[in-house]
């Protein structure tokens, strides 16, 4: 039996983004990370699409925590992408808002995210 595949989206709660802005940042993270997954392992990306595109949205307290997770995922070779906002609406240009991870093996993602709370 194959490992479960999922995607994790991690957002900063300290920014207090509006609902629409938050949804847009989560969508950016999902797409950006998916494209990274396709580069690393097309089979995993294809399996995720075929199995219902499971994803989970989690939260961290600040940019430092988000960057630390990003570095851990990159170090392990997981597909991931940091979202940096253009600054046209609610936050200044260059604000890091979210991190997309995967699609990838759920057990491997969970190793780094199990202590995080759902958004």
PDB file of N, CA and C in Angstrom:
ATOM      1  N   UNK A   1       0.846  -1.195   0.000  1.00  0.00           N
ATOM      2  CA  UNK A   1       0.000   0.000   0.000  1.00  0.00           C
ATOM      3  C   UNK A   1       0.883   1.246   0.000  1.00  0.00           C
ATOM      4  N   UNK A   2       0.571   2.175  -0.856  1.00  0.00           N
ATOM      5  CA  UNK A   2       1.360   3.398  -0.974  1.00  0.00           C
ATOM      6  C   UNK A   2       1.134   4.317   0.222  1.00  0.00           C
ATOM      7  N   UNK A   3       2.130   5.119   0.507  1.00  0.00           N
ATOM      8  CA  UNK A   3       1.992   6.122   1.564  1.00  0.00           C
ATOM      9  C   UNK A   3       0.933   7.144   1.165  1.00  0.00           C
ATOM     10  N   UNK A   4       0.208   7.641   2.160  1.00  0.00           N
ATOM     11  CA  UNK A   4      -0.758   8.709   1.908  1.00  0.00           C
ATOM     12  C   UNK A   4      -0.008   9.965   1.466  1.00  0.00           C
ATOM     13  N   UNK A   5      -0.582  10.664   0.509  1.00  0.00           N
ATOM     14  CA  UNK A   5       0.004  11.894  -0.017  1.00  0.00           C
ATOM     15  C   UNK A   5      -0.903  13.058   0.394  1.00  0.00           C
ATOM     16  N   UNK A   6      -0.296  14.138   0.867  1.00  0.00           N
ATOM     17  CA  UNK A   6      -1.084  15.326   1.198  1.00  0.00           C
ATOM     18  C   UNK A   6      -0.245  16.573   0.995  1.00  0.00           C
ATOM     19  N   UNK A   7      -0.913  17.691   1.133  1.00  0.00           N
ATOM     20  CA  UNK A   7      -0.260  18.995   1.061  1.00  0.00           C
ATOM     21  C   UNK A   7      -0.574  19.730   2.357  1.00  0.00           C
ATOM     22  N   UNK A   8       0.400  20.455   2.857  1.00  0.00           N
ATOM     23  CA  UNK A   8       0.193  21.291   4.042  1.00  0.00           C
ATOM     24  C   UNK A   8       0.409  22.749   3.650  1.00  0.00           C
ATOM     25  N   UNK A   9      -0.507  23.577   4.105  1.00  0.00           N
ATOM     26  CA  UNK A   9      -0.383  25.018   3.919  1.00  0.00           C
ATOM     27  C   UNK A   9      -0.275  25.611   5.319  1.00  0.00           C
ATOM     28  N   UNK A  10       0.758  26.404   5.533  1.00  0.00           N
ATOM     29  CA  UNK A  10       1.008  26.975   6.861  1.00  0.00           C
ATOM     30  C   UNK A  10       0.988  28.489   6.725  1.00  0.00           C
ATOM     31  N   UNK A  11       0.165  29.140   7.543  1.00  0.00           N
ATOM     32  CA  UNK A  11      -0.003  30.588   7.450  1.00  0.00           C
ATOM     33  C   UNK A  11       0.385  31.274   8.763  1.00  0.00           C
ATOM     34  N   UNK A  12       0.751  32.534   8.635  1.00  0.00           N
ATOM     35  CA  UNK A  12       1.092  33.360   9.797  1.00  0.00           C
ATOM     36  C   UNK A  12      -0.172  33.961  10.403  1.00  0.00           C
ATOM     37  N   UNK A  13      -0.364  33.729  11.676  1.00  0.00           N
ATOM     38  CA  UNK A  13      -1.527  34.299  12.362  1.00  0.00           C
ATOM     39  C   UNK A  13      -1.271  35.723  12.854  1.00  0.00           C
ATOM     40  N   UNK A  14      -0.026  36.126  12.987  1.00  0.00           N
ATOM     41  CA  UNK A  14       0.277  37.461  13.506  1.00  0.00           C
ATOM     42  C   UNK A  14      -0.092  38.572  12.529  1.00  0.00           C
ATOM     43  N   UNK A  15      -0.349  38.239  11.273  1.00  0.00           N
ATOM     44  CA  UNK A  15      -0.687  39.264  10.284  1.00  0.00           C
ATOM     45  C   UNK A  15      -2.148  39.676  10.336  1.00  0.00           C
ATOM     46  N   UNK A  16      -2.991  38.864  10.934  1.00  0.00           N
ATOM     47  CA  UNK A  16      -4.412  39.157  11.058  1.00  0.00           C
ATOM     48  C   UNK A  16      -5.017  39.563   9.705  1.00  0.00           C
ATOM     49  N   UNK A  17      -4.806  38.714   8.710  1.00  0.00           N
ATOM     50  CA  UNK A  17      -5.301  38.972   7.361  1.00  0.00           C
ATOM     51  C   UNK A  17      -6.816  38.830   7.298  1.00  0.00           C
ATOM     52  N   UNK A  18      -7.440  39.604   6.432  1.00  0.00           N
ATOM     53  CA  UNK A  18      -8.862  39.447   6.184  1.00  0.00           C
ATOM     54  C   UNK A  18      -9.135  38.093   5.536  1.00  0.00           C
ATOM     55  N   UNK A  19     -10.370  37.664   5.572  1.00  0.00           N
ATOM     56  CA  UNK A  19     -10.731  36.336   5.068  1.00  0.00           C
ATOM     57  C   UNK A  19     -10.356  36.146   3.607  1.00  0.00           C
ATOM     58  N   UNK A  20     -10.664  37.115   2.779  1.00  0.00           N
ATOM     59  CA  UNK A  20     -10.343  37.009   1.355  1.00  0.00           C
ATOM     60  C   UNK A  20      -8.852  36.982   1.103  1.00  0.00           C
ATOM     61  N   UNK A  21      -8.128  37.841   1.787  1.00  0.00           N
ATOM     62  CA  UNK A  21      -6.674  37.893   1.638  1.00  0.00           C
ATOM     63  C   UNK A  21      -6.053  36.576   2.082  1.00  0.00           C
ATOM     64  N   UNK A  22      -6.525  36.054   3.201  1.00  0.00           N
ATOM     65  CA  UNK A  22      -6.028  34.780   3.714  1.00  0.00           C
ATOM     66  C   UNK A  22      -6.282  33.665   2.708  1.00  0.00           C
ATOM     67  N   UNK A  23      -7.484  33.630   2.151  1.00  0.00           N
ATOM     68  CA  UNK A  23      -7.816  32.610   1.150  1.00  0.00           C
ATOM     69  C   UNK A  23      -6.893  32.712  -0.061  1.00  0.00           C
ATOM     70  N   UNK A  24      -6.601  33.917  -0.490  1.00  0.00           N
ATOM     71  CA  UNK A  24      -5.709  34.110  -1.637  1.00  0.00           C
ATOM     72  C   UNK A  24      -4.300  33.620  -1.330  1.00  0.00           C
ATOM     73  N   UNK A  25      -3.805  33.895  -0.129  1.00  0.00           N
ATOM     74  CA  UNK A  25      -2.460  33.471   0.244  1.00  0.00           C
ATOM     75  C   UNK A  25      -2.366  31.944   0.322  1.00  0.00           C
ATOM     76  N   UNK A  26      -3.408  31.315   0.850  1.00  0.00           N
ATOM     77  CA  UNK A  26      -3.457  29.849   0.915  1.00  0.00           C
ATOM     78  C   UNK A  26      -3.470  29.271  -0.507  1.00  0.00           C
ATOM     79  N   UNK A  27      -4.241  29.884  -1.393  1.00  0.00           N
ATOM     80  CA  UNK A  27      -4.287  29.414  -2.775  1.00  0.00           C
ATOM     81  C   UNK A  27      -2.931  29.559  -3.457  1.00  0.00           C
ATOM     82  N   UNK A  28      -2.261  30.692  -3.240  1.00  0.00           N
ATOM     83  CA  UNK A  28      -0.915  30.882  -3.800  1.00  0.00           C
ATOM     84  C   UNK A  28       0.019  29.790  -3.297  1.00  0.00           C
ATOM     85  N   UNK A  29      -0.002  29.531  -1.998  1.00  0.00           N
ATOM     86  CA  UNK A  29       0.892  28.528  -1.410  1.00  0.00           C
ATOM     87  C   UNK A  29       0.620  27.143  -1.992  1.00  0.00           C
ATOM     88  N   UNK A  30      -0.645  26.800  -2.161  1.00  0.00           N
ATOM     89  CA  UNK A  30      -1.008  25.493  -2.700  1.00  0.00           C
ATOM     90  C   UNK A  30      -0.475  25.313  -4.119  1.00  0.00           C
ATOM     91  N   UNK A  31      -0.737  26.287  -4.970  1.00  0.00           N
ATOM     92  CA  UNK A  31      -0.290  26.186  -6.361  1.00  0.00           C
ATOM     93  C   UNK A  31       1.231  26.203  -6.486  1.00  0.00           C
ATOM     94  N   UNK A  32       1.865  27.131  -5.792  1.00  0.00           N
ATOM     95  CA  UNK A  32       3.323  27.242  -5.882  1.00  0.00           C
ATOM     96  C   UNK A  32       3.998  25.953  -5.427  1.00  0.00           C
ATOM     97  N   UNK A  33       3.514  25.392  -4.339  1.00  0.00           N
ATOM     98  CA  UNK A  33       4.102  24.168  -3.811  1.00  0.00           C
ATOM     99  C   UNK A  33       3.823  22.976  -4.728  1.00  0.00           C
ATOM    100  N   UNK A  34       2.635  22.937  -5.300  1.00  0.00           N
ATOM    101  CA  UNK A  34       2.313  21.864  -6.249  1.00  0.00           C
ATOM    102  C   UNK A  34       3.301  21.880  -7.420  1.00  0.00           C
ATOM    103  N   UNK A  35       3.580  23.058  -7.965  1.00  0.00           N
ATOM    104  CA  UNK A  35       4.514  23.144  -9.088  1.00  0.00           C
ATOM    105  C   UNK A  35       5.912  22.671  -8.686  1.00  0.00           C
ATOM    106  N   UNK A  36       6.310  22.948  -7.443  1.00  0.00           N
ATOM    107  CA  UNK A  36       7.596  22.439  -6.944  1.00  0.00           C
ATOM    108  C   UNK A  36       7.573  20.911  -6.845  1.00  0.00           C
ATOM    109  N   UNK A  37       6.444  20.367  -6.408  1.00  0.00           N
ATOM    110  CA  UNK A  37       6.316  18.905  -6.298  1.00  0.00           C
ATOM    111  C   UNK A  37       6.430  18.247  -7.674  1.00  0.00           C
ATOM    112  N   UNK A  38       5.826  18.863  -8.670  1.00  0.00           N
ATOM    113  CA  UNK A  38       5.925  18.321 -10.032  1.00  0.00           C
ATOM    114  C   UNK A  38       7.376  18.248 -10.500  1.00  0.00           C
ATOM    115  N   UNK A  39       8.172  19.235 -10.123  1.00  0.00           N
ATOM    116  CA  UNK A  39       9.589  19.247 -10.506  1.00  0.00           C
ATOM    117  C   UNK A  39      10.356  18.127  -9.815  1.00  0.00           C
ATOM    118  N   UNK A  40      10.014  17.851  -8.561  1.00  0.00           N
ATOM    119  CA  UNK A  40      10.753  16.873  -7.764  1.00  0.00           C
ATOM    120  C   UNK A  40      10.317  15.442  -8.049  1.00  0.00           C
ATOM    121  N   UNK A  41       9.004  15.217  -8.138  1.00  0.00           N
ATOM    122  CA  UNK A  41       8.491  13.862  -8.342  1.00  0.00           C
ATOM    123  C   UNK A  41       7.112  13.922  -8.989  1.00  0.00           C
ATOM    124  N   UNK A  42       7.088  13.816 -10.313  1.00  0.00           N
ATOM    125  CA  UNK A  42       5.811  13.890 -11.043  1.00  0.00           C
ATOM    126  C   UNK A  42       4.842  12.803 -10.603  1.00  0.00           C
ATOM    127  N   UNK A  43       5.349  11.643 -10.206  1.00  0.00           N
ATOM    128  CA  UNK A  43       4.496  10.543  -9.770  1.00  0.00           C
ATOM    129  C   UNK A  43       3.719  10.881  -8.513  1.00  0.00           C
ATOM    130  N   UNK A  44       4.395  11.498  -7.549  1.00  0.00           N
ATOM    131  CA  UNK A  44       3.724  11.901  -6.309  1.00  0.00           C
ATOM    132  C   UNK A  44       2.673  12.962  -6.607  1.00  0.00           C
ATOM    133  N   UNK A  45       3.016  13.934  -7.434  1.00  0.00           N
ATOM    134  CA  UNK A  45       2.063  14.987  -7.787  1.00  0.00           C
ATOM    135  C   UNK A  45       0.837  14.402  -8.481  1.00  0.00           C
ATOM    136  N   UNK A  46       1.057  13.473  -9.388  1.00  0.00           N
ATOM    137  CA  UNK A  46      -0.048  12.842 -10.117  1.00  0.00           C
ATOM    138  C   UNK A  46      -0.916  12.012  -9.173  1.00  0.00           C
ATOM    139  N   UNK A  47      -0.289  11.279  -8.260  1.00  0.00           N
ATOM    140  CA  UNK A  47      -1.041  10.470  -7.295  1.00  0.00           C
ATOM    141  C   UNK A  47      -1.915  11.355  -6.405  1.00  0.00           C
ATOM    142  N   UNK A  48      -1.388  12.512  -5.992  1.00  0.00           N
ATOM    143  CA  UNK A  48      -2.146  13.453  -5.157  1.00  0.00           C
ATOM    144  C   UNK A  48      -3.387  13.939  -5.906  1.00  0.00           C
ATOM    145  N   UNK A  49      -3.212  14.295  -7.161  1.00  0.00           N
ATOM    146  CA  UNK A  49      -4.344  14.756  -7.965  1.00  0.00           C
ATOM    147  C   UNK A  49      -5.400  13.653  -8.102  1.00  0.00           C
ATOM    148  N   UNK A  50      -4.959  12.431  -8.313  1.00  0.00           N
ATOM    149  CA  UNK A  50      -5.876  11.310  -8.520  1.00  0.00           C
ATOM    150  C   UNK A  50      -6.578  10.863  -7.242  1.00  0.00           C
ATOM    151  N   UNK A  51      -5.996  11.212  -6.086  1.00  0.00           N
ATOM    152  CA  UNK A  51      -6.548  10.719  -4.811  1.00  0.00           C
ATOM    153  C   UNK A  51      -7.369  11.766  -4.050  1.00  0.00           C
ATOM    154  N   UNK A  52      -7.714  12.862  -4.698  1.00  0.00           N
ATOM    155  CA  UNK A  52      -8.594  13.836  -4.058  1.00  0.00           C
ATOM    156  C   UNK A  52      -7.927  15.093  -3.539  1.00  0.00           C
ATOM    157  N   UNK A  53      -6.630  15.243  -3.762  1.00  0.00           N
ATOM    158  CA  UNK A  53      -5.894  16.468  -3.405  1.00  0.00           C
ATOM    159  C   UNK A  53      -6.013  16.832  -1.919  1.00  0.00           C
ATOM    160  N   UNK A  54      -5.765  15.870  -1.050  1.00  0.00           N
ATOM    161  CA  UNK A  54      -5.859  16.118   0.393  1.00  0.00           C
ATOM    162  C   UNK A  54      -4.894  17.234   0.793  1.00  0.00           C
ATOM    163  N   UNK A  55      -5.434  18.166   1.592  1.00  0.00           N
ATOM    164  CA  UNK A  55      -4.581  19.241   2.116  1.00  0.00           C
ATOM    165  C   UNK A  55      -5.054  19.634   3.501  1.00  0.00           C
ATOM    166  N   UNK A  56      -4.167  20.254   4.232  1.00  0.00           N
ATOM    167  CA  UNK A  56      -4.440  20.705   5.590  1.00  0.00           C
ATOM    168  C   UNK A  56      -3.884  22.114   5.726  1.00  0.00           C
ATOM    169  N   UNK A  57      -4.594  22.977   6.457  1.00  0.00           N
ATOM    170  CA  UNK A  57      -4.131  24.349   6.656  1.00  0.00           C
ATOM    171  C   UNK A  57      -3.836  24.533   8.142  1.00  0.00           C
ATOM    172  N   UNK A  58      -2.604  24.921   8.414  1.00  0.00           N
ATOM    173  CA  UNK A  58      -2.097  25.064   9.779  1.00  0.00           C
ATOM    174  C   UNK A  58      -1.637  26.492  10.014  1.00  0.00           C
ATOM    175  N   UNK A  59      -1.327  26.795  11.274  1.00  0.00           N
ATOM    176  CA  UNK A  59      -0.901  28.168  11.586  1.00  0.00           C
ATOM    177  C   UNK A  59       0.366  28.172  12.434  1.00  0.00           C
ATOM    178  N   UNK A  60       1.137  29.242  12.245  1.00  0.00           N
ATOM    179  CA  UNK A  60       2.291  29.545  13.084  1.00  0.00           C
ATOM    180  C   UNK A  60       2.133  30.966  13.594  1.00  0.00           C
ATOM    181  N   UNK A  61       2.901  31.310  14.600  1.00  0.00           N
ATOM    182  CA  UNK A  61       2.748  32.621  15.233  1.00  0.00           C
ATOM    183  C   UNK A  61       3.406  33.778  14.495  1.00  0.00           C
ATOM    184  N   UNK A  62       4.490  33.491  13.751  1.00  0.00           N
ATOM    185  CA  UNK A  62       5.228  34.605  13.158  1.00  0.00           C
ATOM    186  C   UNK A  62       6.091  34.158  11.980  1.00  0.00           C
ATOM    187  N   UNK A  63       6.738  35.135  11.349  1.00  0.00           N
ATOM    188  CA  UNK A  63       7.573  34.872  10.182  1.00  0.00           C
ATOM    189  C   UNK A  63       8.754  33.977  10.534  1.00  0.00           C
ATOM    190  N   UNK A  64       9.342  34.173  11.693  1.00  0.00           N
ATOM    191  CA  UNK A  64      10.505  33.358  12.086  1.00  0.00           C
ATOM    192  C   UNK A  64      10.149  31.877  12.095  1.00  0.00           C
ATOM    193  N   UNK A  65       9.001  31.528  12.649  1.00  0.00           N
ATOM    194  CA  UNK A  65       8.566  30.130  12.698  1.00  0.00           C
ATOM    195  C   UNK A  65       8.320  29.587  11.290  1.00  0.00           C
ATOM    196  N   UNK A  66       7.743  30.412  10.427  1.00  0.00           N
ATOM    197  CA  UNK A  66       7.467  29.988   9.054  1.00  0.00           C
ATOM    198  C   UNK A  66       8.769  29.736   8.295  1.00  0.00           C
ATOM    199  N   UNK A  67       9.717  30.637   8.444  1.00  0.00           N
ATOM    200  CA  UNK A  67      11.012  30.476   7.765  1.00  0.00           C
ATOM    201  C   UNK A  67      11.776  29.261   8.294  1.00  0.00           C
ATOM    202  N   UNK A  68      11.687  29.011   9.571  1.00  0.00           N
ATOM    203  CA  UNK A  68      12.359  27.850  10.164  1.00  0.00           C
ATOM    204  C   UNK A  68      11.798  26.549   9.569  1.00  0.00           C
ATOM    205  N   UNK A  69      10.484  26.474   9.442  1.00  0.00           N
ATOM    206  CA  UNK A  69       9.868  25.303   8.813  1.00  0.00           C
ATOM    207  C   UNK A  69      10.291  25.182   7.354  1.00  0.00           C
ATOM    208  N   UNK A  70      10.296  26.281   6.643  1.00  0.00           N
ATOM    209  CA  UNK A  70      10.702  26.264   5.244  1.00  0.00           C
ATOM    210  C   UNK A  70      12.115  25.705   5.098  1.00  0.00           C
ATOM    211  N   UNK A  71      13.015  26.151   5.943  1.00  0.00           N
ATOM    212  CA  UNK A  71      14.396  25.668   5.876  1.00  0.00           C
ATOM    213  C   UNK A  71      14.477  24.170   6.175  1.00  0.00           C
ATOM    214  N   UNK A  72      13.702  23.697   7.135  1.00  0.00           N
ATOM    215  CA  UNK A  72      13.697  22.269   7.471  1.00  0.00           C
ATOM    216  C   UNK A  72      13.193  21.445   6.287  1.00  0.00           C
ATOM    217  N   UNK A  73      12.113  21.884   5.662  1.00  0.00           N
ATOM    218  CA  UNK A  73      11.569  21.157   4.518  1.00  0.00           C
ATOM    219  C   UNK A  73      12.542  21.173   3.343  1.00  0.00           C
ATOM    220  N   UNK A  74      13.152  22.314   3.087  1.00  0.00           N
ATOM    221  CA  UNK A  74      14.123  22.414   1.991  1.00  0.00           C
ATOM    222  C   UNK A  74      15.322  21.502   2.252  1.00  0.00           C
ATOM    223  N   UNK A  75      15.801  21.491   3.482  1.00  0.00           N
ATOM    224  CA  UNK A  75      16.941  20.659   3.855  1.00  0.00           C
ATOM    225  C   UNK A  75      16.654  19.185   3.561  1.00  0.00           C
ATOM    226  N   UNK A  76      15.427  18.762   3.820  1.00  0.00           N
ATOM    227  CA  UNK A  76      15.036  17.374   3.591  1.00  0.00           C
ATOM    228  C   UNK A  76      14.668  17.086   2.130  1.00  0.00           C
ATOM    229  N   UNK A  77      14.619  18.124   1.309  1.00  0.00           N
ATOM    230  CA  UNK A  77      14.326  17.936  -0.103  1.00  0.00           C
ATOM    231  C   UNK A  77      12.854  17.837  -0.439  1.00  0.00           C
ATOM    232  N   UNK A  78      11.997  18.299   0.470  1.00  0.00           N
ATOM    233  CA  UNK A  78      10.550  18.283   0.222  1.00  0.00           C
ATOM    234  C   UNK A  78      10.185  19.457  -0.687  1.00  0.00           C
ATOM    235  N   UNK A  79       9.188  19.274  -1.538  1.00  0.00           N
ATOM    236  CA  UNK A  79       8.721  20.405  -2.340  1.00  0.00           C
ATOM    237  C   UNK A  79       8.009  21.417  -1.441  1.00  0.00           C
ATOM    238  N   UNK A  80       8.428  22.662  -1.521  1.00  0.00           N
ATOM    239  CA  UNK A  80       7.814  23.701  -0.699  1.00  0.00           C
ATOM    240  C   UNK A  80       8.009  25.058  -1.355  1.00  0.00           C
ATOM    241  N   UNK A  81       7.182  26.005  -0.925  1.00  0.00           N
ATOM    242  CA  UNK A  81       7.257  27.347  -1.498  1.00  0.00           C
ATOM    243  C   UNK A  81       6.758  28.372  -0.493  1.00  0.00           C
ATOM    244  N   UNK A  82       7.564  29.401  -0.264  1.00  0.00           N
ATOM    245  CA  UNK A  82       7.159  30.527   0.570  1.00  0.00           C
ATOM    246  C   UNK A  82       6.404  31.542  -0.288  1.00  0.00           C
ATOM    247  N   UNK A  83       5.336  32.066   0.259  1.00  0.00           N
ATOM    248  CA  UNK A  83       4.562  33.096  -0.441  1.00  0.00           C
ATOM    249  C   UNK A  83       4.990  34.459   0.088  1.00  0.00           C
ATOM    250  N   UNK A  84       5.401  35.322  -0.826  1.00  0.00           N
ATOM    251  CA  UNK A  84       5.774  36.690  -0.493  1.00  0.00           C
ATOM    252  C   UNK A  84       4.780  37.614  -1.179  1.00  0.00           C
ATOM    253  N   UNK A  85       4.097  38.426  -0.399  1.00  0.00           N
ATOM    254  CA  UNK A  85       3.023  39.261  -0.923  1.00  0.00           C
ATOM    255  C   UNK A  85       3.562  40.469  -1.692  1.00  0.00           C
ATOM    256  N   UNK A  86       2.808  40.859  -2.700  1.00  0.00           N
ATOM    257  CA  UNK A  86       3.176  42.026  -3.512  1.00  0.00           C
ATOM    258  C   UNK A  86       2.922  43.341  -2.791  1.00  0.00           C
ATOM    259  N   UNK A  87       2.124  43.305  -1.740  1.00  0.00           N
ATOM    260  CA  UNK A  87       1.904  44.505  -0.949  1.00  0.00           C
ATOM    261  C   UNK A  87       0.906  45.483  -1.528  1.00  0.00           C
ATOM    262  N   UNK A  88      -0.028  45.009  -2.317  1.00  0.00           N
ATOM    263  CA  UNK A  88      -0.987  45.912  -2.941  1.00  0.00           C
ATOM    264  C   UNK A  88      -2.209  46.202  -2.074  1.00  0.00           C
ATOM    265  N   UNK A  89      -2.406  45.426  -1.003  1.00  0.00           N
ATOM    266  CA  UNK A  89      -3.618  45.636  -0.199  1.00  0.00           C
ATOM    267  C   UNK A  89      -3.320  45.746   1.295  1.00  0.00           C
ATOM    268  N   UNK A  90      -3.227  44.629   2.013  1.00  0.00           N
ATOM    269  CA  UNK A  90      -3.234  44.645   3.475  1.00  0.00           C
ATOM    270  C   UNK A  90      -1.867  44.608   4.164  1.00  0.00           C
ATOM    271  N   UNK A  91      -0.842  44.214   3.459  1.00  0.00           N
ATOM    272  CA  UNK A  91       0.478  44.102   4.081  1.00  0.00           C
ATOM    273  C   UNK A  91       1.530  44.776   3.202  1.00  0.00           C
ATOM    274  N   UNK A  92       2.657  45.165   3.771  1.00  0.00           N
ATOM    275  CA  UNK A  92       3.712  45.801   2.980  1.00  0.00           C
ATOM    276  C   UNK A  92       4.309  44.843   1.940  1.00  0.00           C
ATOM    277  N   UNK A  93       4.839  45.382   0.844  1.00  0.00           N
ATOM    278  CA  UNK A  93       5.490  44.535  -0.161  1.00  0.00           C
ATOM    279  C   UNK A  93       6.593  43.685   0.477  1.00  0.00           C
ATOM    280  N   UNK A  94       6.669  42.440   0.047  1.00  0.00           N
ATOM    281  CA  UNK A  94       7.708  41.542   0.536  1.00  0.00           C
ATOM    282  C   UNK A  94       7.343  40.782   1.805  1.00  0.00           C
ATOM    283  N   UNK A  95       6.155  40.986   2.326  1.00  0.00           N
ATOM    284  CA  UNK A  95       5.734  40.284   3.533  1.00  0.00           C
ATOM    285  C   UNK A  95       5.550  38.800   3.227  1.00  0.00           C
ATOM    286  N   UNK A  96       6.213  37.948   3.995  1.00  0.00           N
ATOM    287  CA  UNK A  96       6.052  36.502   3.857  1.00  0.00           C
ATOM    288  C   UNK A  96       4.781  36.113   4.605  1.00  0.00           C
ATOM    289  N   UNK A  97       3.833  35.501   3.888  1.00  0.00           N
ATOM    290  CA  UNK A  97       2.520  35.239   4.462  1.00  0.00           C
ATOM    291  C   UNK A  97       2.223  33.768   4.710  1.00  0.00           C
ATOM    292  N   UNK A  98       2.757  32.884   3.871  1.00  0.00           N
ATOM    293  CA  UNK A  98       2.378  31.479   3.948  1.00  0.00           C
ATOM    294  C   UNK A  98       3.480  30.585   3.393  1.00  0.00           C
ATOM    295  N   UNK A  99       3.351  29.308   3.699  1.00  0.00           N
ATOM    296  CA  UNK A  99       4.263  28.281   3.195  1.00  0.00           C
ATOM    297  C   UNK A  99       3.437  27.111   2.709  1.00  0.00           C
ATOM    298  N   UNK A 100       3.681  26.690   1.494  1.00  0.00           N
ATOM    299  CA  UNK A 100       3.063  25.480   0.970  1.00  0.00           C
ATOM    300  C   UNK A 100       4.077  24.358   0.992  1.00  0.00           C
ATOM    301  N   UNK A 101       3.637  23.169   1.393  1.00  0.00           N
ATOM    302  CA  UNK A 101       4.509  21.997   1.440  1.00  0.00           C
ATOM    303  C   UNK A 101       3.796  20.838   0.752  1.00  0.00           C
ATOM    304  N   UNK A 102       4.452  20.265  -0.219  1.00  0.00           N
ATOM    305  CA  UNK A 102       3.878  19.126  -0.913  1.00  0.00           C
ATOM    306  C   UNK A 102       3.011  19.558  -2.080  1.00  0.00           C
ATOM    307  N   UNK A 103       2.366  18.566  -2.647  1.00  0.00           N
ATOM    308  CA  UNK A 103       2.049  17.256  -2.125  1.00  0.00           C
ATOM    309  C   UNK A 103       3.303  16.389  -1.931  1.00  0.00           C
ATOM    310  N   UNK A 104       3.232  15.654  -0.821  1.00  0.00           N
ATOM    311  CA  UNK A 104       4.337  14.778  -0.445  1.00  0.00           C
ATOM    312  C   UNK A 104       3.804  13.717   0.512  1.00  0.00           C
ATOM    313  N   UNK A 105       4.660  12.828   0.925  1.00  0.00           N
ATOM    314  CA  UNK A 105       4.253  11.768   1.849  1.00  0.00           C
ATOM    315  C   UNK A 105       3.797  12.372   3.169  1.00  0.00           C
ATOM    316  N   UNK A 106       2.566  12.043   3.557  1.00  0.00           N
ATOM    317  CA  UNK A 106       1.952  12.633   4.749  1.00  0.00           C
ATOM    318  C   UNK A 106       2.790  12.398   6.000  1.00  0.00           C
ATOM    319  N   UNK A 107       3.329  11.211   6.158  1.00  0.00           N
ATOM    320  CA  UNK A 107       4.127  10.905   7.356  1.00  0.00           C
ATOM    321  C   UNK A 107       5.344  11.817   7.460  1.00  0.00           C
ATOM    322  N   UNK A 108       5.943  12.129   6.333  1.00  0.00           N
ATOM    323  CA  UNK A 108       7.129  12.987   6.346  1.00  0.00           C
ATOM    324  C   UNK A 108       6.756  14.439   6.640  1.00  0.00           C
ATOM    325  N   UNK A 109       5.652  14.903   6.084  1.00  0.00           N
ATOM    326  CA  UNK A 109       5.185  16.257   6.397  1.00  0.00           C
ATOM    327  C   UNK A 109       4.812  16.348   7.876  1.00  0.00           C
ATOM    328  N   UNK A 110       4.089  15.338   8.365  1.00  0.00           N
ATOM    329  CA  UNK A 110       3.636  15.334   9.756  1.00  0.00           C
ATOM    330  C   UNK A 110       4.783  15.378  10.760  1.00  0.00           C
ATOM    331  N   UNK A 111       5.934  14.838  10.394  1.00  0.00           N
ATOM    332  CA  UNK A 111       7.092  14.860  11.291  1.00  0.00           C
ATOM    333  C   UNK A 111       7.422  16.293  11.701  1.00  0.00           C
ATOM    334  N   UNK A 112       7.268  17.237  10.789  1.00  0.00           N
ATOM    335  CA  UNK A 112       7.602  18.633  11.061  1.00  0.00           C
ATOM    336  C   UNK A 112       6.402  19.479  11.503  1.00  0.00           C
ATOM    337  N   UNK A 113       5.192  18.994  11.253  1.00  0.00           N
ATOM    338  CA  UNK A 113       4.025  19.839  11.495  1.00  0.00           C
ATOM    339  C   UNK A 113       3.083  19.319  12.587  1.00  0.00           C
ATOM    340  N   UNK A 114       3.373  18.194  13.190  1.00  0.00           N
ATOM    341  CA  UNK A 114       2.432  17.580  14.141  1.00  0.00           C
ATOM    342  C   UNK A 114       2.118  18.457  15.349  1.00  0.00           C
ATOM    343  N   UNK A 115       3.010  19.359  15.697  1.00  0.00           N
ATOM    344  CA  UNK A 115       2.763  20.227  16.859  1.00  0.00           C
ATOM    345  C   UNK A 115       1.959  21.483  16.492  1.00  0.00           C
ATOM    346  N   UNK A 116       1.749  21.723  15.210  1.00  0.00           N
ATOM    347  CA  UNK A 116       1.029  22.917  14.770  1.00  0.00           C
ATOM    348  C   UNK A 116      -0.477  22.710  14.901  1.00  0.00           C
ATOM    349  N   UNK A 117      -1.185  23.800  15.124  1.00  0.00           N
ATOM    350  CA  UNK A 117      -2.643  23.782  15.256  1.00  0.00           C
ATOM    351  C   UNK A 117      -3.290  24.078  13.903  1.00  0.00           C
ATOM    352  N   UNK A 118      -4.496  23.553  13.734  1.00  0.00           N
ATOM    353  CA  UNK A 118      -5.274  23.874  12.535  1.00  0.00           C
ATOM    354  C   UNK A 118      -5.640  25.357  12.534  1.00  0.00           C
ATOM    355  N   UNK A 119      -5.738  25.909  11.345  1.00  0.00           N
ATOM    356  CA  UNK A 119      -6.143  27.308  11.229  1.00  0.00           C
ATOM    357  C   UNK A 119      -7.616  27.441  11.573  1.00  0.00           C
TER     358      UNK A 119
END
